[in-house]
Each structure stands twice: as C-alpha cells, then as structure tokens.
C-alpha cells in the first residue's frame, strides 16, 4: 500500500486557512479554499453565476478552480462576489451622478424675444399663433401673392386681416413687431436656435430589479445634488437598467432628467398619466 493515502476517519474536504481573502473595494469579493481527495474537489466546483446557499447566501460565484497535488490530493478554490436576491443592501455600490450640457434647438418662435415683459402673468403677452402663421406664410407661402399678402399684413396694417384672431391681453402693434422679427429670422434661414440645457443622470444599484419609470413627464430630479431643483424645467426620461454583476446579481439603474428654461416642456404634452 506504499504511496497511497488512507483517509481517516473518511474522505472529506477540509476548509483551508488562506490568509486575507475578503476585499471591500468597487466590488466586495471573498474566496473559499478546500483541500482533500481530488474527486471531491472536482465535485465541489461551482459554475460562474451560481448563487451561494447557507453561510454563502447573498453571494454569487465568479469562478472556481481545482489544483492537483501528489497522491490524489487536491485543492478547490471558489471565488465569490456579493450579489443576488439574498444579499445585504449595505454592500451595494454607492450611488453616483453625472451631469452634462445638452443642445435643445427649439423653434425660433419660442425665443425669449417673442415674449413681452408682462409674461407669464399675462399669458397672452407673447407672439400669437396667427402671427406665427403670417410670418411663415410670408416666407413659405404657396404663391408669390400669398407671401406678399402675409408680409403686408405684418408690416403695420391698421388692423389684422379678417381671418386673424387677436388674443386679449395683447396689441396688434406688438404682434406686428414680433412677427417682423420672426419673418427676418425665417428669411435668413434661422428656424431653430441654440439653447443649452442640462442632462442630469443619477445612478442607483440594486440586488433585484426595482420598479422602473418610463419617463415622459415633467418632474424635478428626486435624488442627489439636483434633488428638487426648480431653477430649470425638468423632463424625466425612461430609466435605463443594466446588469453589472455576474448572473444579474447587481443591477445598475440610471435615471435621467433633461432640464431646460422655465416652461420649455409643454405641461399638457408631458402631463403625468392618471391611469393605472
């Protein structure tokens, strides 16, 4: 029987001391090392992505390996990372946020020069829809005669044409002035203009997929340094989840808001849904 090991009291795996193994960094990792008969070492291995049980509940296997020694002895090493539905929320990665400038390019008729000093207290102290129509018709009318008629209407007619509706709270003189400025912009090819906004992203982490928002509503940011900000008008976009852990053991959710000047987002177009 020379050269053959007799296992007493029987063949089993013995957990080994490996020195420091737990590491708390951007990922929390640990490892288990077992030593014993090579066949048991092979049987102890786990596939990447397998969730732990017992004292390893809340952990997910990232890799496992077996090393041979002499006389049928082996060691098996299982590497773990915190994750999965049983993981402790204290070990989630920290929240994060990012912010960047965005270019909105609205239509020129929404420019600040198309509003009077009494707006928004007087909601009609701005260029009227019919005035906008005249300016566009003066540039893009169906015929030369149509363009000239629209331009004459803008250039100081004593009163609007019969099909023009003047809103209460404004004057034809103001509408004419705004309309001619808009006409000049359109003639020069300026149909949109540069307007900077902010894109704010807040990143959270979960061990299971949380409830998500599809966005499309006017809403101030709800987390981080821009939480509750009212200096801009904010439009929430759809949440973007992505797995960052083995076997979806950690899920990162990025919530995004677009901020523009006050009133930039239409309150009816982006009103919250009241259906369930």
Protein backbone atom coordinates (compact mmCIF):
# COMPACT_ATOMS: atom_id res chain seq x y z
CA UNK A 1 0.00 0.00 0.00
CA UNK A 2 3.06 2.19 -0.21
CA UNK A 3 2.38 5.65 -1.71
CA UNK A 4 -1.38 5.51 -1.17
CA UNK A 5 -3.19 7.79 1.30
CA UNK A 6 -5.67 6.31 3.75
CA UNK A 7 -8.24 8.95 4.71
CA UNK A 8 -9.26 8.84 8.37
CA UNK A 9 -11.94 8.96 9.59
CA UNK A 10 -13.05 9.18 5.94
CA UNK A 11 -12.69 11.10 2.71
CA UNK A 12 -13.90 14.68 3.07
CA UNK A 13 -12.85 18.20 2.28
CA UNK A 14 -11.16 20.36 4.88
CA UNK A 15 -11.51 24.14 4.67
CA UNK A 16 -8.10 25.81 4.49
CA UNK A 17 -6.67 28.97 6.00
CA UNK A 18 -5.62 31.24 3.14
CA UNK A 19 -4.75 34.48 4.89
CA UNK A 20 -6.59 37.68 3.88
CA UNK A 21 -9.36 37.00 1.39
CA UNK A 22 -12.25 39.43 1.96
CA UNK A 23 -11.83 42.60 -0.09
CA UNK A 24 -14.10 45.64 0.09
CA UNK A 25 -13.48 47.81 -2.98
CA UNK A 26 -15.58 48.70 -6.00
CA UNK A 27 -16.71 45.09 -5.70
CA UNK A 28 -16.87 43.08 -2.47
CA UNK A 29 -15.14 39.74 -3.03
CA UNK A 30 -14.12 36.75 -0.94
CA UNK A 31 -12.91 33.19 -1.52
CA UNK A 32 -13.14 29.69 0.00
CA UNK A 33 -10.38 27.12 -0.31
CA UNK A 34 -10.92 23.43 0.45
CA UNK A 35 -8.40 20.56 0.46
CA UNK A 36 -9.00 16.84 0.22
CA UNK A 37 -9.41 13.99 -2.29
CA UNK A 38 -9.19 15.25 -5.83
CA UNK A 39 -12.54 13.71 -6.80
CA UNK A 40 -14.30 15.64 -4.04
CA UNK A 41 -12.50 18.81 -5.07
CA UNK A 42 -13.83 18.43 -8.61
CA UNK A 43 -17.34 17.79 -7.28
CA UNK A 44 -17.13 20.92 -5.10
CA UNK A 45 -16.58 23.27 -8.05
CA UNK A 46 -19.34 25.72 -8.99
CA UNK A 47 -20.28 27.33 -12.26
CA UNK A 48 -19.79 31.05 -12.68
CA UNK A 49 -23.03 32.79 -11.74
CA UNK A 50 -24.24 30.16 -9.26
CA UNK A 51 -25.79 31.72 -6.16
CA UNK A 52 -24.48 30.60 -2.78
CA UNK A 53 -26.54 28.93 -0.07
CA UNK A 54 -26.18 28.57 3.69
CA UNK A 55 -23.42 30.81 5.01
CA UNK A 56 -22.81 31.92 1.40
CA UNK A 57 -26.37 33.13 0.82
CA UNK A 58 -26.16 36.60 -0.70
CA UNK A 59 -23.03 35.72 -2.65
CA UNK A 60 -22.54 34.68 -6.28
CA UNK A 61 -19.73 32.53 -7.66
CA UNK A 62 -17.42 34.38 -10.03
CA UNK A 63 -15.08 31.43 -10.69
CA UNK A 64 -13.82 28.15 -9.23
CA UNK A 65 -10.67 26.15 -9.88
CA UNK A 66 -9.06 22.85 -8.86
CA UNK A 67 -5.35 22.24 -8.39
CA UNK A 68 -3.79 18.75 -8.27
CA UNK A 69 -1.27 17.68 -5.69
CA UNK A 70 0.60 14.42 -5.18
CA UNK A 71 -1.11 11.18 -4.17
CA UNK A 72 -4.60 12.17 -5.29
CA UNK A 73 -4.82 15.25 -3.09
CA UNK A 74 -6.35 18.41 -4.49
CA UNK A 75 -7.44 21.91 -3.57
CA UNK A 76 -10.51 23.71 -4.83
CA UNK A 77 -10.84 27.50 -4.71
CA UNK A 78 -14.22 29.21 -5.09
CA UNK A 79 -14.25 32.98 -5.65
CA UNK A 80 -17.30 34.92 -4.50
CA UNK A 81 -18.81 38.34 -5.04
CA UNK A 82 -21.66 39.90 -3.10
CA UNK A 83 -24.88 39.78 -5.11
CA UNK A 84 -28.24 38.17 -5.70
CA UNK A 85 -31.66 38.45 -4.06
CA UNK A 86 -30.34 37.38 -0.61
CA UNK A 87 -27.51 39.93 -0.49
CA UNK A 88 -27.31 42.58 2.23
CA UNK A 89 -28.20 46.05 0.91
CA UNK A 90 -25.36 47.51 2.98
CA UNK A 91 -22.95 46.07 0.43
CA UNK A 92 -24.49 47.77 -2.60
CA UNK A 93 -22.18 50.08 -4.58
CA UNK A 94 -22.56 53.74 -3.68
CA UNK A 95 -24.92 55.95 -5.68
CA UNK A 96 -23.35 58.17 -8.30
CA UNK A 97 -24.40 61.02 -10.57
CA UNK A 98 -23.31 62.77 -13.77
CA UNK A 99 -24.32 65.99 -15.46
CA UNK A 100 -23.60 67.36 -18.91
CA UNK A 101 -24.74 70.16 -21.18
CA UNK A 102 -27.20 69.35 -23.97
CA UNK A 103 -28.28 71.31 -27.04
CA UNK A 104 -32.06 71.68 -27.27
CA UNK A 105 -32.51 73.74 -30.51
CA UNK A 106 -36.17 74.85 -30.13
CA UNK A 107 -38.08 76.66 -32.87
CA UNK A 108 -37.22 80.35 -33.16
CA UNK A 109 -40.78 81.41 -32.34
CA UNK A 110 -40.11 80.14 -28.81
CA UNK A 111 -37.16 82.50 -28.33
CA UNK A 112 -37.24 84.85 -25.32
CA UNK A 113 -37.61 87.85 -27.66
CA UNK A 114 -41.06 86.55 -28.68
CA UNK A 115 -42.42 87.29 -25.19
CA UNK A 116 -43.42 90.57 -23.59
CA UNK A 117 -42.46 91.88 -20.16
CA UNK A 118 -45.87 91.01 -18.69
CA UNK A 119 -45.47 87.30 -19.45
CA UNK A 120 -46.22 84.89 -17.74
CA UNK A 121 -48.52 86.98 -15.56
CA UNK A 122 -50.32 87.85 -18.77
CA UNK A 123 -50.14 84.56 -20.70
CA UNK A 124 -51.07 86.28 -23.99
CA UNK A 125 -48.21 88.77 -23.86
CA UNK A 126 -46.32 86.80 -26.49
CA UNK A 127 -46.37 86.21 -30.22
CA UNK A 128 -49.76 84.80 -31.18
CA UNK A 129 -50.33 81.64 -33.23
CA UNK A 130 -51.88 83.62 -36.09
CA UNK A 131 -48.86 85.97 -36.11
CA UNK A 132 -46.56 82.98 -36.37
CA UNK A 133 -48.70 81.72 -39.24
CA UNK A 134 -48.41 85.04 -41.07
CA UNK A 135 -44.60 85.06 -40.68
CA UNK A 136 -44.26 81.53 -42.03
CA UNK A 137 -46.69 82.26 -44.88
CA UNK A 138 -44.73 85.39 -45.76
CA UNK A 139 -41.67 83.17 -46.27
CA UNK A 140 -43.09 79.82 -47.34
CA UNK A 141 -46.44 80.78 -48.87
CA UNK A 142 -47.97 78.68 -51.62
CA UNK A 143 -47.57 81.53 -54.12
CA UNK A 144 -45.86 84.85 -54.52
CA UNK A 145 -49.15 86.66 -53.99
CA UNK A 146 -49.78 84.76 -50.75
CA UNK A 147 -46.31 85.67 -49.45
CA UNK A 148 -46.81 89.36 -50.28
CA UNK A 149 -50.24 89.50 -48.65
CA UNK A 150 -48.89 87.98 -45.43
CA UNK A 151 -45.94 90.37 -45.37
CA UNK A 152 -48.21 93.41 -45.94
CA UNK A 153 -50.32 92.25 -43.01
CA UNK A 154 -47.25 92.11 -40.80
CA UNK A 155 -45.93 95.50 -41.94
CA UNK A 156 -48.21 97.72 -39.93
CA UNK A 157 -51.71 97.14 -41.24
CA UNK A 158 -54.14 99.22 -39.19
CA UNK A 159 -55.86 96.08 -38.07
CA UNK A 160 -55.41 92.35 -38.65
CA UNK A 161 -56.89 90.69 -41.68
CA UNK A 162 -60.38 89.24 -41.31
CA UNK A 163 -59.09 85.74 -40.69
CA UNK A 164 -56.67 86.91 -37.97
CA UNK A 165 -57.71 86.45 -34.34
CA UNK A 166 -56.06 88.88 -31.91
CA UNK A 167 -55.84 87.39 -28.40
CA UNK A 168 -56.99 89.51 -25.48
CA UNK A 169 -54.16 90.98 -23.46
CA UNK A 170 -52.01 91.93 -26.46
CA UNK A 171 -51.96 94.58 -29.20
CA UNK A 172 -51.60 94.40 -32.94
CA UNK A 173 -48.58 96.72 -32.71
CA UNK A 174 -46.78 94.21 -30.51
CA UNK A 175 -47.84 91.32 -32.74
CA UNK A 176 -46.63 93.17 -35.82
CA UNK A 177 -43.23 93.85 -34.20
CA UNK A 178 -42.80 90.23 -33.12
CA UNK A 179 -44.00 88.96 -36.49
CA UNK A 180 -41.50 91.05 -38.44
CA UNK A 181 -38.62 89.86 -36.25
CA UNK A 182 -39.72 86.28 -36.82
CA UNK A 183 -40.05 86.95 -40.56
CA UNK A 184 -36.48 88.25 -40.64
CA UNK A 185 -35.17 85.16 -38.88
CA UNK A 186 -37.02 82.82 -41.23
CA UNK A 187 -35.83 84.71 -44.32
CA UNK A 188 -32.26 84.25 -43.06
CA UNK A 189 -32.85 80.52 -42.65
CA UNK A 190 -32.98 80.56 -38.86
CA UNK A 191 -35.79 78.15 -37.99
CA UNK A 192 -34.22 76.87 -34.77
CA UNK A 193 -31.74 78.42 -32.37
CA UNK A 194 -29.10 77.23 -29.92
CA UNK A 195 -30.31 76.75 -26.37
CA UNK A 196 -28.28 74.92 -23.76
CA UNK A 197 -29.89 72.70 -21.15
CA UNK A 198 -28.66 70.16 -18.63
CA UNK A 199 -28.80 66.40 -18.73
CA UNK A 200 -28.73 65.06 -15.19
CA UNK A 201 -28.22 61.36 -14.51
CA UNK A 202 -28.46 59.66 -11.13
CA UNK A 203 -27.17 56.09 -10.77
CA UNK A 204 -28.51 53.64 -8.17
CA UNK A 205 -27.78 49.96 -7.56
CA UNK A 206 -29.98 47.05 -6.56
CA UNK A 207 -29.67 43.32 -5.98
CA UNK A 208 -33.06 42.70 -7.65
CA UNK A 209 -34.76 44.58 -10.48
CA UNK A 210 -36.69 47.53 -8.98
CA UNK A 211 -39.79 49.29 -10.27
CA UNK A 212 -38.81 51.48 -13.22
CA UNK A 213 -40.15 54.73 -14.65
CA UNK A 214 -40.86 55.11 -18.37
CA UNK A 215 -40.47 58.88 -18.04
CA UNK A 216 -42.13 61.31 -20.42
CA UNK A 217 -43.38 63.52 -17.58
CA UNK A 218 -42.42 66.92 -16.17
CA UNK A 219 -40.67 66.17 -12.88
CA UNK A 220 -37.80 67.65 -10.91
CA UNK A 221 -34.92 65.27 -10.12
CA UNK A 222 -35.54 63.24 -6.97
CA UNK A 223 -32.02 62.24 -5.88
CA UNK A 224 -28.58 63.73 -5.48
CA UNK A 225 -27.35 67.32 -5.74
CA UNK A 226 -30.17 68.36 -8.10
CA UNK A 227 -32.92 66.86 -5.93
CA UNK A 228 -35.99 69.11 -6.11
CA UNK A 229 -34.29 71.71 -8.33
CA UNK A 230 -36.79 74.26 -9.68
CA UNK A 231 -34.40 76.64 -11.44
CA UNK A 232 -34.99 74.66 -14.65
CA UNK A 233 -37.98 72.93 -16.14
CA UNK A 234 -37.21 69.19 -15.98
CA UNK A 235 -38.42 66.36 -18.20
CA UNK A 236 -37.84 62.86 -16.84
CA UNK A 237 -36.69 60.26 -19.34
CA UNK A 238 -37.09 56.49 -19.10
CA UNK A 239 -34.94 54.65 -16.54
CA UNK A 240 -32.14 52.52 -18.01
CA UNK A 241 -31.33 49.29 -16.10
CA UNK A 242 -28.25 47.19 -16.85
CA UNK A 243 -26.64 44.19 -15.14
CA UNK A 244 -23.16 44.82 -13.74
CA UNK A 245 -22.79 41.69 -11.60
CA UNK A 246 -22.41 38.04 -12.52
CA UNK A 247 -25.76 36.46 -13.48
CA UNK A 248 -27.60 39.79 -12.95
CA UNK A 249 -26.53 39.72 -9.29
CA UNK A 250 -26.24 43.54 -9.21
CA UNK A 251 -28.38 45.86 -11.33
CA UNK A 252 -27.46 49.45 -12.06
CA UNK A 253 -30.35 51.83 -12.82
CA UNK A 254 -29.66 55.21 -14.42
CA UNK A 255 -32.44 57.78 -14.02
CA UNK A 256 -32.19 60.76 -16.37
CA UNK A 257 -33.72 64.23 -16.48
CA UNK A 258 -33.44 66.93 -19.17
CA UNK A 259 -33.51 70.49 -17.87
CA UNK A 260 -34.46 73.50 -19.95
CA UNK A 261 -35.64 77.05 -19.27
CA UNK A 262 -38.85 77.56 -17.33
CA UNK A 263 -41.82 76.48 -19.44
CA UNK A 264 -39.69 74.67 -22.02
CA UNK A 265 -41.68 71.42 -21.67
CA UNK A 266 -45.37 71.59 -22.51
CA UNK A 267 -47.40 70.81 -19.35
CA UNK A 268 -50.16 69.04 -21.29
CA UNK A 269 -47.94 67.09 -23.67
CA UNK A 270 -45.85 65.81 -20.76
CA UNK A 271 -48.53 65.60 -18.08
CA UNK A 272 -48.37 62.58 -15.74
CA UNK A 273 -50.65 59.69 -16.67
CA UNK A 274 -53.58 59.18 -14.33
CA UNK A 275 -54.30 55.65 -15.50
CA UNK A 276 -53.05 52.64 -13.52
